[in-house]
């Protein structure tokens, strides 16, 4: 495993810097800072004098280009202007993205909420309507500076990173490489069966942890992984359980989704392919961040013998699932 011994950029992000960054925007913090749960970036809730707390996000250096962050901000602002409940960055002096020292950062209103009840049919339909509204806007333009989710960006590139940086134990390397290659062949077959499906601006990481539910309904947070991709990417993570369970859940989600956006049934072929790509990408995501002290602390099981054995078994299961018939939803 190749490790960089230089200090991680986030090692300089001290509380004083956070407060000074807010002060540079004319935001008067009362000194209360609460670190929020975020691995990719560093996110804090800041108490504000005579006002509600704000949330400030410091972006991981070198992850996204400035233009890519601004595209994400523009998309969330576009959604908010259409009264779609997302948490968009606040504007200071005409800008949503700011620089202090070596960091780029943004400030957001604080929005509370609880996790959605994904076993409730009404909740799934409501989420479907919500995602349908996001996708209807997402189709109106394309990202120019953000990645597209495909078998290269989420499959072969992360595979090559893990292989070249010696993360896989020596006695498992060949078995892991073989199963990943077979899995990516399965992904390609799924995409071939689906045909030329369209791509759009997605939320990109549409799991329950990024949905906050209130008495007035859901709102999405954290568009940090937003990118171009097939619509199914924002739908499949809401499905869980046995095949019959997922079929029912998908029908409920799409019942709401199609009130606002058309669904291409060919994308049903992509569910297990997208799940497979996420599994491969996730291992590489942790590996790429391993020099960040927060990651070994948060993922102590990563890079153990057992971890890679489990990944091999997991991908073998996915290979079989990708060759099964897609879920039989009929709209």
Foldseek 3Di string as FASTA:
>chain_A
DDDDPDAAPCVPVDLVQVQVVCVVLVFAFPSDWDWDDDDQWTKIWTHGPPDHIKIKTWGRPPPFDPLQVVVLLVLVVVCVVVVQFAWHFDDGPNDQWDDDDHIIMGMTHDDAADFFDLLDLVQLLLVLLSQLSSQLSQAPDADDRFDEDDCVVLAVVLVVLCLVVVLADPVCNVLLVVLSVLLSVLLVVLDVQLPDAAKTWHLQQQARVQWGADPVGIYGYDSVRTHIYHSCSNPLNSADDDLVRRLVSSLSSNNNSVVRHDDRVSCLLNNLSSVLSNLSNVLSVLVVCVSPVVSCVVCVVRSDNVVSVVSSVVSVVSSVVSPDDGRPHDD
